[in-house]
Amino acid sequence: MAFIATLVYELDPATPAEAQKLLRAELVGRRYNDRYEGKRLPANAVWIRRTAGEGETVDDLKVRCGEELGAAVAAVARAGLAIRLVRAWVQVTGAGTYGLVEVPEPRKDPEENV
């Protein structure tokens, strides 16, 4: 059965931009997606389509996502860049819907944006 896992992470604010970009590239290199239908996801959010192996549950998939995030952070650190993962959230879903939320463009008249 196929599942969708969404991974959202927070890095220490002192993490340099270069390390943040390399982490995202590491995750994309591990088959995570930073886009949906060609549009970028919010910063620090990626997703992956996963298949559970024989006897695996969504809990196993959640653990695997956490391990892959940890391995990606370690790879950035091995490259000599300062990086510290503060927290992360993983949601594994098997049914329902998912996608980006359409955010309307702000109107020219600020009073119309309420």
C-alpha atoms as a PDB file:
ATOM      1  CA  MET A   1       0.000   0.000   0.000  1.00  0.00           C
ATOM      2  CA  ALA A   2       1.263   3.475  -0.856  1.00  0.00           C
ATOM      3  CA  PHE A   3       1.408   6.309   1.647  1.00  0.00           C
ATOM      4  CA  ILE A   4       2.307   9.990   1.544  1.00  0.00           C
ATOM      5  CA  ALA A   5       4.653  11.250   4.255  1.00  0.00           C
ATOM      6  CA  THR A   6       4.981  14.973   4.898  1.00  0.00           C
ATOM      7  CA  LEU A   7       8.108  16.079   6.746  1.00  0.00           C
ATOM      8  CA  VAL A   8       8.397  19.558   8.256  1.00  0.00           C
ATOM      9  CA  TYR A   9      11.531  20.556  10.139  1.00  0.00           C
ATOM     10  CA  GLU A  10      12.909  23.548  12.027  1.00  0.00           C
ATOM     11  CA  LEU A  11      16.573  24.447  12.118  1.00  0.00           C
ATOM     12  CA  ASP A  12      18.369  26.601  14.658  1.00  0.00           C
ATOM     13  CA  PRO A  13      18.055  30.255  13.535  1.00  0.00           C
ATOM     14  CA  ALA A  14      21.866  30.489  13.448  1.00  0.00           C
ATOM     15  CA  THR A  15      22.025  27.836  10.697  1.00  0.00           C
ATOM     16  CA  PRO A  16      23.638  29.501   7.660  1.00  0.00           C
ATOM     17  CA  ALA A  17      21.629  29.728   4.430  1.00  0.00           C
ATOM     18  CA  GLU A  18      24.168  27.506   2.656  1.00  0.00           C
ATOM     19  CA  ALA A  19      23.552  24.702   5.179  1.00  0.00           C
ATOM     20  CA  GLN A  20      19.777  25.103   4.829  1.00  0.00           C
ATOM     21  CA  LYS A  21      20.024  24.797   1.046  1.00  0.00           C
ATOM     22  CA  LEU A  22      22.317  21.784   1.283  1.00  0.00           C
ATOM     23  CA  LEU A  23      19.921  20.043   3.690  1.00  0.00           C
ATOM     24  CA  ARG A  24      17.031  20.522   1.269  1.00  0.00           C
ATOM     25  CA  ALA A  25      19.225  19.187  -1.555  1.00  0.00           C
ATOM     26  CA  GLU A  26      20.192  16.185   0.604  1.00  0.00           C
ATOM     27  CA  LEU A  27      16.524  15.395   1.219  1.00  0.00           C
ATOM     28  CA  VAL A  28      15.636  15.777  -2.462  1.00  0.00           C
ATOM     29  CA  GLY A  29      18.545  13.455  -3.238  1.00  0.00           C
ATOM     30  CA  ARG A  30      16.898  10.931  -0.919  1.00  0.00           C
ATOM     31  CA  ARG A  31      13.711  11.027  -3.063  1.00  0.00           C
ATOM     32  CA  TYR A  32      11.835  13.660  -1.046  1.00  0.00           C
ATOM     33  CA  ASN A  33       9.967  16.267  -3.072  1.00  0.00           C
ATOM     34  CA  ASP A  34      10.224  19.989  -2.418  1.00  0.00           C
ATOM     35  CA  ARG A  35       7.602  20.745  -5.069  1.00  0.00           C
ATOM     36  CA  TYR A  36       4.053  19.701  -5.798  1.00  0.00           C
ATOM     37  CA  GLU A  37       2.678  20.059  -9.325  1.00  0.00           C
ATOM     38  CA  GLY A  38       5.694  22.218 -10.158  1.00  0.00           C
ATOM     39  CA  LYS A  39       5.159  24.678  -7.298  1.00  0.00           C
ATOM     40  CA  ARG A  40       7.570  24.967  -4.359  1.00  0.00           C
ATOM     41  CA  LEU A  41       6.445  23.838  -0.943  1.00  0.00           C
ATOM     42  CA  PRO A  42       6.866  26.156   2.044  1.00  0.00           C
ATOM     43  CA  ALA A  43      10.410  26.452   3.368  1.00  0.00           C
ATOM     44  CA  ASN A  44      11.493  23.450   5.459  1.00  0.00           C
ATOM     45  CA  ALA A  45       8.706  21.184   4.154  1.00  0.00           C
ATOM     46  CA  VAL A  46       9.110  18.145   1.899  1.00  0.00           C
ATOM     47  CA  TRP A  47       7.028  15.089   1.060  1.00  0.00           C
ATOM     48  CA  ILE A  48       7.580  11.568  -0.225  1.00  0.00           C
ATOM     49  CA  ARG A  49       5.439   8.750  -1.591  1.00  0.00           C
ATOM     50  CA  ARG A  50       6.274   5.597   0.369  1.00  0.00           C
ATOM     51  CA  THR A  51       5.327   1.949   0.150  1.00  0.00           C
ATOM     52  CA  ALA A  52       5.134  -0.082   3.337  1.00  0.00           C
ATOM     53  CA  GLY A  53       7.014  -3.356   3.288  1.00  0.00           C
ATOM     54  CA  GLU A  54       5.620  -6.665   4.489  1.00  0.00           C
ATOM     55  CA  GLY A  55       4.645  -6.260   8.134  1.00  0.00           C
ATOM     56  CA  GLU A  56       5.440  -2.518   8.204  1.00  0.00           C
ATOM     57  CA  THR A  57       3.019   0.017   9.620  1.00  0.00           C
ATOM     58  CA  VAL A  58       2.742   3.781   9.272  1.00  0.00           C
ATOM     59  CA  ASP A  59       4.715   3.976  12.526  1.00  0.00           C
ATOM     60  CA  ASP A  60       7.641   2.258  10.777  1.00  0.00           C
ATOM     61  CA  LEU A  61       7.413   4.738   7.898  1.00  0.00           C
ATOM     62  CA  LYS A  62       7.409   7.651  10.368  1.00  0.00           C
ATOM     63  CA  VAL A  63      10.554   6.294  12.033  1.00  0.00           C
ATOM     64  CA  ARG A  64      12.230   5.860   8.635  1.00  0.00           C
ATOM     65  CA  CYS A  65      11.478   9.496   7.712  1.00  0.00           C
ATOM     66  CA  GLY A  66      13.040  10.666  10.981  1.00  0.00           C
ATOM     67  CA  GLU A  67      16.119   8.541  10.378  1.00  0.00           C
ATOM     68  CA  GLU A  68      16.510   9.921   6.862  1.00  0.00           C
ATOM     69  CA  LEU A  69      16.214  13.493   8.145  1.00  0.00           C
ATOM     70  CA  GLY A  70      18.875  12.758  10.761  1.00  0.00           C
ATOM     71  CA  ALA A  71      21.157  11.249   8.109  1.00  0.00           C
ATOM     72  CA  ALA A  72      20.688  14.297   5.864  1.00  0.00           C
ATOM     73  CA  VAL A  73      21.547  16.669   8.744  1.00  0.00           C
ATOM     74  CA  ALA A  74      24.649  14.573   9.493  1.00  0.00           C
ATOM     75  CA  ALA A  75      25.705  14.767   5.829  1.00  0.00           C
ATOM     76  CA  VAL A  76      25.504  18.576   5.941  1.00  0.00           C
ATOM     77  CA  ALA A  77      27.590  18.613   9.132  1.00  0.00           C
ATOM     78  CA  ARG A  78      30.186  16.322   7.503  1.00  0.00           C
ATOM     79  CA  ALA A  79      30.455  18.908   4.722  1.00  0.00           C
ATOM     80  CA  GLY A  80      31.778  21.294   7.386  1.00  0.00           C
ATOM     81  CA  LEU A  81      28.668  23.452   7.741  1.00  0.00           C
ATOM     82  CA  ALA A  82      27.134  24.380  11.090  1.00  0.00           C
ATOM     83  CA  ILE A  83      23.636  22.909  11.374  1.00  0.00           C
ATOM     84  CA  ARG A  84      21.336  21.984  14.255  1.00  0.00           C
ATOM     85  CA  LEU A  85      17.929  20.399  13.915  1.00  0.00           C
ATOM     86  CA  VAL A  86      15.561  21.858  16.532  1.00  0.00           C
ATOM     87  CA  ARG A  87      12.395  19.832  15.862  1.00  0.00           C
ATOM     88  CA  ALA A  88      10.529  18.006  13.129  1.00  0.00           C
ATOM     89  CA  TRP A  89       7.020  16.798  12.321  1.00  0.00           C
ATOM     90  CA  VAL A  90       6.124  13.771  10.196  1.00  0.00           C
ATOM     91  CA  GLN A  91       2.612  12.886   9.092  1.00  0.00           C
ATOM     92  CA  VAL A  92       2.000   9.664   7.194  1.00  0.00           C
ATOM     93  CA  THR A  93      -1.337   9.410   5.394  1.00  0.00           C
ATOM     94  CA  GLY A  94      -2.804   6.657   3.279  1.00  0.00           C
ATOM     95  CA  ALA A  95      -6.086   8.119   2.142  1.00  0.00           C
ATOM     96  CA  GLY A  96      -7.727  11.466   1.683  1.00  0.00           C
ATOM     97  CA  THR A  97      -6.320  14.467  -0.094  1.00  0.00           C
ATOM     98  CA  TYR A  98      -3.209  16.583   0.038  1.00  0.00           C
ATOM     99  CA  GLY A  99      -1.698  19.551  -1.748  1.00  0.00           C
ATOM    100  CA  LEU A 100      -0.667  23.152  -1.484  1.00  0.00           C
ATOM    101  CA  VAL A 101      -3.085  25.752  -0.189  1.00  0.00           C
ATOM    102  CA  GLU A 102      -3.809  28.411  -2.794  1.00  0.00           C
ATOM    103  CA  VAL A 103      -2.859  31.762  -1.254  1.00  0.00           C
ATOM    104  CA  PRO A 104      -4.570  34.690  -3.006  1.00  0.00           C
ATOM    105  CA  GLU A 105      -2.512  37.652  -4.134  1.00  0.00           C
ATOM    106  CA  PRO A 106      -2.886  40.697  -1.858  1.00  0.00           C
ATOM    107  CA  ARG A 107      -5.238  43.343  -3.182  1.00  0.00           C
ATOM    108  CA  LYS A 108      -3.981  46.827  -3.929  1.00  0.00           C
ATOM    109  CA  ASP A 109      -6.384  48.417  -1.438  1.00  0.00           C
ATOM    110  CA  PRO A 110      -5.220  47.236   2.046  1.00  0.00           C
ATOM    111  CA  GLU A 111      -8.770  47.490   3.413  1.00  0.00           C
ATOM    112  CA  GLU A 112      -9.913  44.810   0.935  1.00  0.00           C
ATOM    113  CA  ASN A 113      -7.416  42.302   2.371  1.00  0.00           C
ATOM    114  CA  VAL A 114      -9.430  41.824   5.556  1.00  0.00           C
END
